[in-house]
Protein backbone atom coordinates (compact mmCIF):
# COMPACT_ATOMS: atom_id res chain seq x y z
CA MET A 1 80.20 -85.33 34.97
CA LYS A 2 78.09 -88.33 36.31
CA ARG A 3 76.11 -87.63 39.37
CA LEU A 4 75.34 -90.96 41.05
CA ALA A 5 72.40 -90.98 43.87
CA ILE A 6 72.71 -94.16 46.04
CA ILE A 7 69.93 -95.22 47.77
CA THR A 8 70.36 -97.55 50.96
CA THR A 9 68.96 -98.01 54.23
CA HIS A 10 71.87 -97.46 56.69
CA PRO A 11 75.61 -97.45 57.00
CA ILE A 12 77.28 -100.64 57.04
CA GLN A 13 80.84 -101.82 57.14
CA TYR A 14 80.78 -103.34 53.71
CA ASN A 15 79.22 -100.49 51.87
CA ALA A 16 81.10 -97.36 53.26
CA PRO A 17 84.43 -98.16 51.99
CA VAL A 18 82.99 -98.52 48.37
CA PHE A 19 81.01 -95.11 48.83
CA LYS A 20 84.34 -93.61 49.84
CA LEU A 21 86.33 -95.09 46.70
CA LEU A 22 83.43 -93.95 44.42
CA ALA A 23 83.57 -90.40 45.89
CA SER A 24 87.40 -89.97 45.18
CA ASN A 25 86.72 -90.62 41.39
CA PRO A 26 87.37 -86.95 39.83
CA VAL A 27 84.79 -87.65 37.01
CA LEU A 28 82.00 -88.74 39.39
CA GLN A 29 79.92 -87.10 42.09
CA ILE A 30 77.86 -89.24 44.50
CA LYS A 31 75.64 -88.75 47.30
CA VAL A 32 74.12 -91.55 49.56
CA PHE A 33 70.52 -91.18 50.94
CA TYR A 34 70.19 -93.21 54.16
CA THR A 35 66.44 -94.07 54.25
CA LEU A 36 65.97 -95.67 57.80
CA GLY A 37 66.66 -92.35 59.31
CA LYS A 38 69.08 -90.60 61.65
CA SER A 39 68.84 -93.32 64.32
CA SER A 40 70.25 -95.88 61.67
CA GLU A 41 73.89 -94.86 62.72
CA GLU A 42 73.23 -97.43 65.64
CA VAL A 43 71.03 -100.31 64.54
CA ILE A 44 69.55 -102.63 66.71
CA ASP A 45 70.50 -106.02 65.27
CA LYS A 46 67.89 -108.67 65.93
CA GLY A 47 70.20 -111.39 65.19
CA PHE A 48 72.82 -110.37 67.78
CA GLY A 49 70.13 -109.22 70.12
CA LYS A 50 71.58 -105.97 70.93
CA LYS A 51 72.41 -102.28 69.54
CA ILE A 52 75.31 -102.38 67.33
CA ALA A 53 77.57 -99.16 66.59
CA TRP A 54 80.62 -100.30 64.39
CA ASP A 55 83.98 -99.01 65.57
CA ILE A 56 85.34 -98.29 62.25
CA PRO A 57 84.27 -95.13 60.18
CA LEU A 58 81.30 -95.46 58.20
CA LEU A 59 80.47 -91.68 57.17
CA GLU A 60 83.88 -90.38 56.04
CA GLY A 61 84.88 -89.66 52.76
CA TYR A 62 81.60 -89.11 50.89
CA ALA A 63 78.32 -86.94 50.84
CA TYR A 64 75.20 -88.38 52.52
CA GLN A 65 71.98 -87.58 53.74
CA PHE A 66 69.79 -89.21 56.39
CA LEU A 67 66.15 -88.88 55.42
CA ASP A 68 63.26 -88.38 57.53
CA ASN A 69 61.53 -92.06 58.06
CA THR A 70 58.14 -91.57 59.35
CA SER A 71 57.29 -95.25 59.70
CA LYS A 72 55.41 -96.12 62.99
CA ASN A 73 57.65 -99.01 63.42
CA PRO A 74 61.08 -98.06 61.61
CA GLY A 75 63.05 -101.29 60.61
CA THR A 76 64.59 -103.22 57.80
CA SER A 77 62.78 -106.53 58.09
CA TYR A 78 59.33 -105.40 56.62
CA PHE A 79 58.03 -103.20 53.75
CA LYS A 80 56.58 -100.53 55.87
CA GLY A 81 59.61 -100.20 57.80
CA VAL A 82 61.17 -97.39 55.56
CA ILE A 83 58.87 -94.60 54.65
CA ASN A 84 60.33 -91.34 53.49
CA PRO A 85 57.88 -88.60 52.36
CA THR A 86 60.33 -86.35 51.02
CA ILE A 87 62.63 -88.77 49.18
CA ILE A 88 61.71 -87.96 45.51
CA GLN A 89 62.30 -84.07 46.03
CA ASP A 90 65.35 -85.16 48.07
CA ILE A 91 67.05 -87.11 45.32
CA GLU A 92 65.76 -84.52 42.52
CA ASN A 93 67.51 -81.71 44.42
CA PHE A 94 70.88 -83.47 43.70
CA LYS A 95 70.05 -83.55 40.15
CA PRO A 96 71.42 -87.27 39.61
CA THR A 97 72.24 -88.73 36.16
CA ASP A 98 72.13 -92.00 37.48
CA LEU A 99 70.66 -93.95 40.59
CA LEU A 100 71.72 -97.12 42.57
CA VAL A 101 69.25 -98.61 44.74
CA PHE A 102 70.22 -101.29 47.25
CA GLY A 103 67.06 -103.47 47.83
CA TRP A 104 63.59 -102.80 46.63
CA SER A 105 61.56 -104.43 49.38
CA PHE A 106 60.84 -101.33 51.05
CA ASP A 107 58.04 -98.52 50.52
CA SER A 108 60.57 -95.84 49.51
CA HIS A 109 62.73 -97.89 47.63
CA LEU A 110 60.18 -99.35 45.48
CA LYS A 111 58.72 -95.80 45.15
CA VAL A 112 62.08 -94.63 43.79
CA LEU A 113 62.38 -97.20 41.25
CA LYS A 114 58.87 -96.59 39.85
CA TYR A 115 59.33 -92.64 39.67
CA PHE A 116 62.68 -92.55 38.13
CA LYS A 117 62.26 -95.20 35.62
CA ASN A 118 62.99 -93.68 32.14
CA LYS A 119 64.18 -90.63 33.74
CA VAL A 120 67.63 -91.18 34.85
CA ASN A 121 69.60 -94.55 34.50
CA VAL A 122 68.47 -96.83 37.24
CA TYR A 123 70.89 -99.40 38.70
CA PHE A 124 69.88 -102.17 41.42
CA ARG A 125 72.06 -104.10 43.90
CA GLY A 126 70.72 -107.06 45.75
CA ASP A 127 71.97 -110.50 46.82
CA SER A 128 69.28 -112.70 46.56
CA ASN A 129 69.38 -116.21 45.20
CA LEU A 130 67.11 -119.30 44.44
CA LEU A 131 68.76 -121.58 46.83
CA ASP A 132 65.74 -121.62 49.27
CA GLU A 133 62.79 -121.85 46.82
CA LYS A 134 59.94 -124.24 47.55
CA LYS A 135 57.44 -125.20 44.87
CA GLY A 136 54.06 -124.03 45.38
CA PHE A 137 51.61 -120.97 44.59
CA ARG A 138 53.49 -118.62 47.09
CA LEU A 139 56.69 -119.26 44.76
CA ILE A 140 54.50 -118.39 41.62
CA LEU A 141 53.26 -115.27 43.22
CA ARG A 142 56.72 -114.33 44.26
CA ARG A 143 58.07 -114.88 40.78
CA LEU A 144 55.42 -112.59 39.29
CA THR A 145 55.98 -109.99 41.85
CA LEU A 146 60.01 -109.91 41.19
CA THR A 147 59.67 -110.02 37.44
CA TRP A 148 57.22 -106.98 37.69
CA THR A 149 59.51 -105.14 40.10
CA TYR A 150 62.58 -105.57 38.07
CA ARG A 151 60.92 -104.06 34.99
CA TYR A 152 61.73 -100.56 36.75
CA ILE A 153 65.71 -101.19 36.56
CA ASP A 154 67.77 -100.61 33.72
CA LYS A 155 70.92 -102.97 35.00
CA ALA A 156 71.48 -105.23 38.06
CA LEU A 157 74.85 -105.40 39.89
CA TYR A 158 75.18 -109.15 40.72
CA VAL A 159 77.45 -110.26 43.61
CA GLY A 160 78.05 -114.01 42.27
CA LYS A 161 76.76 -117.08 40.41
CA ASN A 162 73.70 -117.81 42.66
CA ASN A 163 72.76 -114.18 42.54
CA LYS A 164 73.14 -113.94 38.80
CA ALA A 165 70.81 -116.91 38.25
CA TYR A 166 68.18 -115.28 40.44
CA PHE A 167 68.16 -112.24 38.32
CA LEU A 168 68.07 -114.09 35.18
CA LYS A 169 65.02 -116.20 36.49
CA HIS A 170 63.30 -113.01 37.04
CA GLY A 171 63.63 -111.42 33.55
CA ILE A 172 66.72 -109.35 33.71
CA LYS A 173 68.86 -110.14 30.34
CA GLU A 174 72.43 -111.30 30.58
CA GLN A 175 73.46 -107.94 29.03
CA ASN A 176 71.79 -105.96 31.67
CA LEU A 177 73.74 -107.72 34.47
CA ILE A 178 76.91 -106.51 35.68
CA PHE A 179 79.37 -108.49 37.89
CA ALA A 180 80.20 -106.48 41.13
CA PRO A 181 81.46 -109.12 43.70
CA HIS A 182 80.57 -108.99 47.23
CA ALA A 183 83.52 -107.93 49.21
CA ILE A 184 85.32 -107.00 52.33
CA ASP A 185 88.31 -104.85 53.36
CA ASN A 186 90.91 -107.49 52.23
CA ALA A 187 94.02 -104.94 53.00
CA ARG A 188 92.72 -104.73 56.70
CA PHE A 189 91.90 -108.22 57.28
CA GLY A 190 95.14 -109.38 55.57
CA ASP A 191 97.56 -107.89 57.73
CA ASP A 192 99.20 -110.87 59.76
CA LEU A 193 101.92 -108.88 61.42
CA LEU A 194 99.36 -106.43 62.89
CA TYR A 195 96.95 -109.00 64.52
CA GLN A 196 98.92 -112.16 64.96
CA ASN A 197 100.18 -111.22 68.79
CA GLU A 198 96.37 -110.28 69.60
CA SER A 199 95.15 -113.54 68.01
CA ASN A 200 97.64 -115.47 70.29
CA LEU A 201 96.33 -113.68 73.44
CA ILE A 202 92.82 -114.42 72.51
CA ARG A 203 93.51 -118.27 72.38
CA LYS A 204 95.49 -117.95 75.35
CA SER A 205 92.90 -116.19 77.21
CA LEU A 206 90.21 -118.73 76.46
CA GLY A 207 92.86 -121.69 77.45
CA ILE A 208 92.79 -123.17 73.89
CA PRO A 209 96.18 -125.47 73.50
CA GLU A 210 98.49 -124.10 70.97
CA THR A 211 98.63 -127.27 69.28
CA ASP A 212 94.97 -127.75 68.77
CA THR A 213 93.24 -127.11 65.39
CA VAL A 214 90.41 -124.58 65.82
CA PHE A 215 87.25 -124.73 64.03
CA LEU A 216 85.94 -121.07 64.08
CA PHE A 217 82.31 -119.98 63.81
CA THR A 218 81.62 -116.27 63.76
CA GLY A 219 78.29 -114.49 63.56
CA LYS A 220 74.77 -114.37 64.96
CA PHE A 221 73.64 -117.49 66.95
CA GLU A 222 70.33 -117.73 64.99
CA LYS A 223 68.43 -120.68 63.45
CA LYS A 224 69.45 -119.78 59.58
CA LYS A 225 73.26 -120.11 60.51
CA ASN A 226 72.54 -123.58 62.04
CA PRO A 227 75.34 -123.51 64.82
CA PHE A 228 73.70 -126.61 66.52
CA LEU A 229 74.67 -128.64 63.69
CA LEU A 230 78.20 -127.58 63.98
CA ILE A 231 78.25 -128.26 67.89
CA ASN A 232 76.85 -131.77 67.22
CA ALA A 233 79.10 -132.50 64.32
CA PHE A 234 82.16 -131.44 66.22
CA LYS A 235 81.18 -133.70 69.21
CA LYS A 236 80.58 -136.60 66.78
CA LEU A 237 84.12 -135.88 65.13
CA ASN A 238 85.62 -136.48 68.52
CA ARG A 239 89.17 -135.98 67.53
CA PRO A 240 92.12 -135.22 69.88
CA ASN A 241 93.82 -131.77 69.51
CA THR A 242 90.72 -130.08 68.03
CA SER A 243 88.90 -127.28 69.47
CA LEU A 244 85.65 -125.45 68.34
CA LEU A 245 85.34 -121.59 68.72
CA LEU A 246 81.96 -119.98 68.56
CA VAL A 247 82.13 -116.14 68.35
CA GLY A 248 78.95 -113.97 68.62
CA ASN A 249 75.72 -113.61 70.52
CA GLY A 250 71.96 -114.18 69.44
CA VAL A 251 68.68 -115.58 70.71
CA LEU A 252 70.28 -119.25 70.70
CA GLU A 253 73.26 -118.44 72.67
CA ALA A 254 71.93 -120.12 75.97
CA ASP A 255 70.87 -123.35 74.33
CA LEU A 256 74.24 -123.47 72.36
CA LYS A 257 76.10 -123.20 75.69
CA GLU A 258 73.88 -125.86 77.34
CA GLU A 259 74.45 -128.12 74.23
CA ALA A 260 78.27 -127.74 74.51
CA MET A 261 78.31 -128.28 78.15
CA GLY A 262 80.96 -130.92 79.33
CA PHE A 263 82.92 -130.47 76.35
CA ALA A 264 86.09 -128.75 77.48
CA ASN A 265 87.33 -128.22 73.99
CA ILE A 266 84.08 -126.07 72.87
CA TYR A 267 84.51 -122.16 73.44
CA PHE A 268 82.56 -119.31 73.34
CA LEU A 269 83.54 -115.63 72.77
CA PRO A 270 80.84 -112.77 72.64
CA PHE A 271 80.44 -110.36 69.74
CA GLN A 272 83.61 -108.58 68.65
CA ASN A 273 83.49 -105.39 66.92
CA GLN A 274 85.17 -104.81 63.61
CA SER A 275 88.46 -103.76 64.63
CA ARG A 276 89.20 -106.80 66.42
CA MET A 277 87.82 -109.16 63.90
CA PRO A 278 90.99 -109.71 62.22
CA ALA A 279 92.46 -110.79 65.26
CA VAL A 280 89.69 -113.31 66.05
CA TYR A 281 89.93 -114.95 62.67
CA ARG A 282 93.48 -115.68 63.40
CA ALA A 283 92.44 -117.51 66.46
CA GLY A 284 91.09 -120.31 64.35
CA ASN A 285 92.58 -122.59 61.73
CA VAL A 286 89.51 -123.36 59.67
CA VAL A 287 86.32 -121.15 59.18
CA VAL A 288 83.06 -122.79 59.23
CA LEU A 289 79.60 -121.59 58.09
CA PRO A 290 76.90 -124.31 58.34
CA SER A 291 74.09 -122.32 57.40
CA SER A 292 70.83 -124.14 56.37
CA GLY A 293 68.92 -120.86 55.61
CA PRO A 294 66.62 -119.75 54.56
CA GLY A 295 68.20 -116.34 53.68
CA GLU A 296 72.07 -116.91 53.80
CA THR A 297 72.29 -114.99 50.58
CA TRP A 298 76.09 -114.68 50.65
CA GLY A 299 78.17 -115.24 54.01
CA LEU A 300 80.67 -112.34 54.17
CA CYS A 301 82.33 -114.22 57.18
CA ILE A 302 83.77 -116.42 54.31
CA ASN A 303 85.41 -113.53 52.65
CA GLU A 304 86.96 -112.37 55.91
CA GLY A 305 88.32 -115.70 56.93
CA MET A 306 89.94 -116.23 53.58
CA ALA A 307 91.44 -112.80 53.56
CA CYS A 308 92.93 -113.74 56.97
CA GLY A 309 94.60 -116.75 55.15
CA LEU A 310 92.14 -119.57 56.53
CA PRO A 311 90.55 -122.54 54.81
CA VAL A 312 86.92 -122.69 54.88
CA VAL A 313 84.08 -125.10 55.16
CA ALA A 314 80.56 -123.90 54.05
CA SER A 315 77.26 -125.80 53.50
CA ASN A 316 75.87 -125.83 49.98
CA LYS A 317 72.85 -123.33 51.07
CA VAL A 318 75.73 -120.45 51.65
CA GLY A 319 75.39 -118.10 48.76
CA CYS A 320 79.09 -117.59 48.26
CA ALA A 321 80.22 -121.24 48.32
CA VAL A 322 79.92 -122.22 44.74
CA ASP A 323 82.01 -118.97 44.09
CA LEU A 324 84.66 -118.97 46.56
CA VAL A 325 85.20 -122.56 47.83
CA HIS A 326 87.23 -124.52 45.63
CA GLU A 327 86.84 -128.11 46.70
CA SER A 328 90.02 -129.72 48.58
CA GLU A 329 92.04 -126.50 47.48
CA ASN A 330 91.09 -123.95 49.79
CA GLY A 331 88.23 -125.76 51.54
CA PHE A 332 85.07 -127.87 51.46
CA ILE A 333 81.31 -127.66 50.73
CA PHE A 334 79.03 -130.13 52.71
CA ASP A 335 75.34 -130.96 52.23
CA SER A 336 73.08 -128.56 54.24
CA ASN A 337 71.71 -130.10 57.43
CA SER A 338 73.54 -133.24 56.94
CA GLU A 339 75.64 -133.91 60.13
CA ALA A 340 77.50 -137.04 58.50
CA SER A 341 78.44 -134.73 55.39
CA LEU A 342 79.78 -131.86 57.86
CA VAL A 343 81.60 -134.39 60.22
CA LYS A 344 83.51 -135.80 56.85
CA LYS A 345 84.53 -132.32 56.01
CA LEU A 346 85.66 -131.53 59.40
CA ALA A 347 87.61 -134.65 59.50
CA ALA A 348 89.36 -133.75 56.07
CA CYS A 349 90.70 -130.80 57.87
CA ALA A 350 91.35 -132.30 61.20
CA THR A 351 93.78 -134.79 59.72
CA LYS A 352 95.75 -132.23 58.01
CA THR A 353 98.83 -130.55 59.26
CA LYS A 354 98.97 -127.05 60.33
CA GLU A 355 101.32 -126.47 57.39
CA GLU A 356 98.88 -128.10 54.93
CA LEU A 357 96.17 -125.96 56.35
CA LYS A 358 98.26 -123.11 55.96
CA GLU A 359 98.68 -123.88 52.35
CA MET A 360 94.98 -124.04 51.90
CA GLY A 361 94.68 -120.53 53.53
CA SER A 362 97.13 -119.15 50.99
CA THR A 363 95.03 -120.55 48.14
CA SER A 364 92.06 -118.84 49.87
CA ARG A 365 93.99 -115.69 50.16
CA ALA A 366 94.83 -115.81 46.01
CA ILE A 367 91.16 -116.63 45.27
CA ILE A 368 89.69 -113.51 47.56
CA THR A 369 92.05 -110.96 46.02
CA ASN A 370 89.71 -110.58 43.27
CA TRP A 371 86.75 -109.98 45.24
CA SER A 372 87.56 -106.52 46.35
CA PHE A 373 86.06 -103.06 46.93
CA GLU A 374 88.22 -101.77 44.13
CA HIS A 375 86.50 -104.29 41.91
CA ILE A 376 83.02 -103.17 42.97
CA CYS A 377 83.99 -99.60 42.16
CA ASP A 378 85.44 -100.27 38.64
CA ALA A 379 82.41 -102.30 37.92
CA ILE A 380 80.03 -99.57 38.74
CA THR A 381 82.21 -96.70 37.05
CA LYS A 382 82.49 -98.50 33.94
CA ALA A 383 78.73 -99.04 33.80
CA LEU A 384 78.00 -95.51 34.47
CA HIS A 385 80.02 -94.55 31.51
CA GLN A 386 78.50 -96.98 29.11
CA THR A 387 75.07 -96.22 27.21
CA VAL A 388 72.24 -97.98 28.85
C-alpha cells in the first residue's frame, strides 16, 4: 500500500475535499501535516483584514496532524513564518512511501524537500507563473534559486498552462510534470435549485433591479485585484440597466466606497463565508476579475463563477484566464490595467440579452466540469502508482 505524507501550511476549502477523496482510496493511506500550527484552524487573512474561520468542514474524512510551529512570528508570507523542529521525525513516524509538499518557500518545507530527496518519491504542488516577471538582476537570482530548489523534487503537479511554463523554465522536464488542475467544489456551486431563492433575496435586499445585468466582483479589496479599475471602467461604461456588485473586505474598502459614491448602481456586500457564496454568485450575471498582479497565480473565483453558470471577464494577468476563458464563448480577456480594454469587454456583455449571457454561462459550466477535485485525485493516484 502506498503511504502519502502531505505537507501544507493550514486547512483551506480548496484542499480539504481533495484530501478526503484521497483518503477514501482503499489502496492509499494518507496523512496531512499542517505546518503553521494549531492556530491555523483560524487564520488572520491580511487580504480580508480579519480572522477567517470557514463554515464548511475542513478536517473531516482524513488523518492529519498540526505540527508545533516555533516561529517567533508565525505566518505564510515569509520564509521564517513556518519552523517545525520535529517535522522530519513526525513524517518519518508515518513511514511514507511518497511525499507531497505544497509550496517550498518556508523554512520547514524546504528542509523536508532536501531531507527526503532520494529517500522517498517527492512530489511538489505550487501554482506560480511567469506573468509578473521583470528583467534584471533579481530575476536572474530568482531563476537560479528556483532551479536549485526544484532539483529536490521528483515530479511537479501543475495547475494549468501558465504554471506548466513556469516549471519548465526552472528545469523540470516535461516527463516529470503532471497535470492536476486547480479546482473548486463544482457540485456544491452548481446546484441552481438550492441557491436561486437566496440569490434573489440578496439582490432584493440590496435594491438591485431585477432587469439589471449585474457585473460581480468577489474577493479581497487589495491592490493586486485592481478593483479601482473595475469601478472606473464601470462608471465609464455608463449603460442603463447595469449594476456593479463588489463582495468582500480589505484595506481598500473605504477608498473604493468613496470612489463609488454618487453612483446608485454600484453596490457593496461584506465578506461572505463559503456556504453562502453559491447564492452570492447567482446574484450576478457576469463575474469580473480585473487583477493586475503581481501574484494572481490563478483566480479561483473564476472557477466558482463558472460552476454557477456565469460568463466571465478576466485580465490577462489572471493565471487561469488562458485555460478557462474561451474568448467570446464563455467570456472575455482584457489587457491588464487598460480601462479602455475593460470597458470594451464589459460593453460586449452589457449588449447581450439575459438569455445570451445564460448561454455563455452554460458554456462556462461545460468547460469547468473537467476542472474538478476528482481530476486532481486521479492525477495524484496515477502518479503514485507509476515508477518515478
